[in-house]
Every structure is written in C-alpha cells, then in structure tokens.
Amino acid sequence: MAVTKRELDSKQKLAKSILAVKGIDLNEWLANQFDSVINENTDLLVEALNFKEDSHEQRNRNQAPTDA
C-alpha cells in the first residue's frame, strides 16, 4: 500500500524533530542516506553501465560500413 501524503508529512515532521533534538542537520542526514543507497547498489550501477556500454558498442558494429 502506498504511503499517503498525510502519512509522509507526519513521518517527515517527526524525523525532523528527532534529528533536531540529536543535533543532526536534516540535509546532511539525507545526503548520508542517499550515499548509503548508492553504495549498497554499486554492483547494480556497474551492471547497468556495462549493459549501456555493450549496447552502444553493438549499435556501432551494426552501423559500421562493411567492405564489399
């Protein structure tokens, strides 16, 4: 079930309050969360980039003129 805007707002307000009490900047905390997601998924990112590179190379080979 998707989170409603109201639920999300409530969670965000509570999290902001908790972080403020702990002396943690919200944007710094968010940046750390984003870094965690990225670092935990480097294999996925590398795989996607390799796939993109392979697809690009395949297109180039298919478009290369052939010697007749």
N, C-alpha and C. Protein backbone atom coordinates (compact mmCIF):
# COMPACT_ATOMS: atom_id res chain seq x y z
N MET A 1 0.84 -1.18 0.00
CA MET A 1 0.00 0.00 0.00
C MET A 1 0.89 1.25 0.00
N ALA A 2 0.57 2.18 -0.83
CA ALA A 2 1.36 3.40 -0.95
C ALA A 2 1.16 4.30 0.28
N VAL A 3 2.21 5.03 0.58
CA VAL A 3 2.15 5.97 1.69
C VAL A 3 1.41 7.21 1.22
N THR A 4 0.47 7.67 2.04
CA THR A 4 -0.27 8.87 1.67
C THR A 4 0.57 10.11 1.97
N LYS A 5 0.20 11.21 1.35
CA LYS A 5 0.89 12.48 1.58
C LYS A 5 0.82 12.85 3.06
N ARG A 6 -0.31 12.61 3.67
CA ARG A 6 -0.50 12.94 5.09
C ARG A 6 0.43 12.10 5.97
N GLU A 7 0.53 10.80 5.67
CA GLU A 7 1.42 9.93 6.44
C GLU A 7 2.88 10.36 6.26
N LEU A 8 3.24 10.67 5.03
CA LEU A 8 4.60 11.08 4.73
C LEU A 8 4.95 12.38 5.45
N ASP A 9 4.03 13.33 5.42
CA ASP A 9 4.25 14.60 6.11
C ASP A 9 4.44 14.39 7.61
N SER A 10 3.63 13.50 8.18
CA SER A 10 3.72 13.21 9.60
C SER A 10 5.06 12.57 9.95
N LYS A 11 5.48 11.62 9.14
CA LYS A 11 6.76 10.95 9.37
C LYS A 11 7.92 11.94 9.22
N GLN A 12 7.83 12.80 8.22
CA GLN A 12 8.89 13.78 7.99
C GLN A 12 8.99 14.75 9.16
N LYS A 13 7.85 15.20 9.66
CA LYS A 13 7.84 16.14 10.79
C LYS A 13 8.46 15.49 12.02
N LEU A 14 8.10 14.25 12.29
CA LEU A 14 8.65 13.54 13.44
C LEU A 14 10.15 13.31 13.29
N ALA A 15 10.57 12.89 12.09
CA ALA A 15 12.00 12.65 11.85
C ALA A 15 12.80 13.94 12.00
N LYS A 16 12.27 15.06 11.47
CA LYS A 16 12.95 16.34 11.61
C LYS A 16 13.13 16.70 13.07
N SER A 17 12.10 16.47 13.86
CA SER A 17 12.17 16.79 15.29
C SER A 17 13.21 15.93 15.99
N ILE A 18 13.22 14.65 15.68
CA ILE A 18 14.19 13.74 16.31
C ILE A 18 15.61 14.16 15.94
N LEU A 19 15.83 14.42 14.66
CA LEU A 19 17.16 14.82 14.22
C LEU A 19 17.59 16.13 14.86
N ALA A 20 16.67 17.07 14.97
CA ALA A 20 16.99 18.37 15.58
C ALA A 20 17.39 18.19 17.03
N VAL A 21 16.67 17.35 17.76
CA VAL A 21 17.00 17.10 19.17
C VAL A 21 18.38 16.46 19.30
N LYS A 22 18.72 15.63 18.32
CA LYS A 22 20.03 14.97 18.34
C LYS A 22 21.13 15.84 17.76
N GLY A 23 20.77 17.03 17.27
CA GLY A 23 21.76 17.95 16.71
C GLY A 23 22.26 17.56 15.34
N ILE A 24 21.43 16.86 14.59
CA ILE A 24 21.81 16.39 13.25
C ILE A 24 21.06 17.22 12.21
N ASP A 25 21.81 17.77 11.25
CA ASP A 25 21.23 18.55 10.17
C ASP A 25 20.46 17.62 9.23
N LEU A 26 19.22 17.98 8.90
CA LEU A 26 18.38 17.14 8.04
C LEU A 26 19.03 16.89 6.69
N ASN A 27 19.54 17.93 6.05
CA ASN A 27 20.13 17.75 4.71
C ASN A 27 21.38 16.87 4.76
N GLU A 28 22.17 16.99 5.82
CA GLU A 28 23.34 16.12 5.96
C GLU A 28 22.90 14.68 6.15
N TRP A 29 21.87 14.48 6.96
CA TRP A 29 21.36 13.13 7.20
C TRP A 29 20.81 12.54 5.90
N LEU A 30 20.05 13.35 5.14
CA LEU A 30 19.52 12.88 3.87
C LEU A 30 20.64 12.51 2.90
N ALA A 31 21.65 13.35 2.84
CA ALA A 31 22.79 13.07 1.95
C ALA A 31 23.44 11.74 2.33
N ASN A 32 23.57 11.48 3.62
CA ASN A 32 24.14 10.20 4.07
C ASN A 32 23.25 9.03 3.68
N GLN A 33 21.93 9.22 3.74
CA GLN A 33 21.01 8.15 3.34
C GLN A 33 21.14 7.87 1.84
N PHE A 34 21.23 8.94 1.06
CA PHE A 34 21.41 8.77 -0.40
C PHE A 34 22.72 8.05 -0.69
N ASP A 35 23.79 8.44 0.01
CA ASP A 35 25.09 7.78 -0.17
C ASP A 35 24.99 6.30 0.16
N SER A 36 24.26 5.97 1.22
CA SER A 36 24.10 4.56 1.61
C SER A 36 23.42 3.76 0.50
N VAL A 37 22.35 4.31 -0.06
CA VAL A 37 21.63 3.61 -1.13
C VAL A 37 22.55 3.42 -2.33
N ILE A 38 23.28 4.45 -2.68
CA ILE A 38 24.20 4.37 -3.82
C ILE A 38 25.29 3.33 -3.56
N ASN A 39 25.91 3.40 -2.38
CA ASN A 39 26.99 2.47 -2.04
C ASN A 39 26.51 1.03 -1.96
N GLU A 40 25.29 0.83 -1.49
CA GLU A 40 24.75 -0.53 -1.38
C GLU A 40 24.37 -1.10 -2.74
N ASN A 41 24.33 -0.26 -3.75
CA ASN A 41 23.88 -0.70 -5.07
C ASN A 41 24.91 -0.45 -6.16
N THR A 42 26.18 -0.39 -5.80
CA THR A 42 27.21 -0.15 -6.81
C THR A 42 27.25 -1.26 -7.85
N ASP A 43 27.01 -2.50 -7.42
CA ASP A 43 27.01 -3.60 -8.39
C ASP A 43 25.93 -3.39 -9.45
N LEU A 44 24.76 -2.96 -9.01
CA LEU A 44 23.66 -2.69 -9.93
C LEU A 44 24.02 -1.56 -10.89
N LEU A 45 24.63 -0.51 -10.36
CA LEU A 45 25.02 0.62 -11.20
C LEU A 45 26.07 0.21 -12.23
N VAL A 46 27.06 -0.55 -11.80
CA VAL A 46 28.11 -1.00 -12.73
C VAL A 46 27.50 -1.91 -13.79
N GLU A 47 26.61 -2.79 -13.38
CA GLU A 47 25.95 -3.68 -14.34
C GLU A 47 25.16 -2.88 -15.38
N ALA A 48 24.44 -1.87 -14.93
CA ALA A 48 23.66 -1.05 -15.86
C ALA A 48 24.56 -0.29 -16.81
N LEU A 49 25.66 0.26 -16.29
CA LEU A 49 26.60 0.99 -17.15
C LEU A 49 27.26 0.06 -18.16
N ASN A 50 27.61 -1.14 -17.73
CA ASN A 50 28.20 -2.11 -18.65
C ASN A 50 27.21 -2.50 -19.74
N PHE A 51 25.95 -2.69 -19.36
CA PHE A 51 24.92 -3.02 -20.34
C PHE A 51 24.78 -1.90 -21.35
N LYS A 52 24.76 -0.65 -20.86
CA LYS A 52 24.64 0.51 -21.75
C LYS A 52 25.83 0.57 -22.71
N GLU A 53 27.03 0.35 -22.17
CA GLU A 53 28.23 0.37 -23.00
C GLU A 53 28.19 -0.74 -24.05
N ASP A 54 27.79 -1.94 -23.63
CA ASP A 54 27.71 -3.06 -24.57
C ASP A 54 26.68 -2.78 -25.67
N SER A 55 25.54 -2.19 -25.29
CA SER A 55 24.51 -1.86 -26.28
C SER A 55 25.02 -0.83 -27.27
N HIS A 56 25.75 0.15 -26.77
CA HIS A 56 26.31 1.20 -27.63
C HIS A 56 27.32 0.59 -28.60
N GLU A 57 28.18 -0.28 -28.10
CA GLU A 57 29.18 -0.93 -28.97
C GLU A 57 28.50 -1.79 -30.03
N GLN A 58 27.43 -2.49 -29.65
CA GLN A 58 26.71 -3.33 -30.60
C GLN A 58 26.08 -2.48 -31.70
N ARG A 59 25.50 -1.35 -31.33
CA ARG A 59 24.92 -0.45 -32.34
C ARG A 59 25.99 0.05 -33.29
N ASN A 60 27.15 0.40 -32.74
CA ASN A 60 28.25 0.89 -33.59
C ASN A 60 28.71 -0.18 -34.56
N ARG A 61 28.79 -1.43 -34.11
CA ARG A 61 29.19 -2.51 -35.00
C ARG A 61 28.16 -2.72 -36.10
N ASN A 62 26.88 -2.58 -35.76
CA ASN A 62 25.82 -2.80 -36.74
C ASN A 62 25.76 -1.66 -37.76
N GLN A 63 26.24 -0.48 -37.38
CA GLN A 63 26.19 0.66 -38.27
C GLN A 63 27.48 0.85 -39.06
N ALA A 64 28.51 0.13 -38.72
CA ALA A 64 29.80 0.29 -39.39
C ALA A 64 29.67 -0.19 -40.83
N PRO A 65 30.26 0.56 -41.75
CA PRO A 65 30.21 0.14 -43.15
C PRO A 65 30.99 -1.16 -43.35
N THR A 66 30.50 -2.00 -44.21
CA THR A 66 31.18 -3.27 -44.48
C THR A 66 31.92 -3.15 -45.79
N ASP A 67 33.05 -3.81 -45.88
CA ASP A 67 33.83 -3.82 -47.13
C ASP A 67 33.16 -4.77 -48.11
N ALA A 68 32.90 -4.29 -49.32
CA ALA A 68 32.21 -5.13 -50.31
C ALA A 68 33.17 -5.80 -51.23
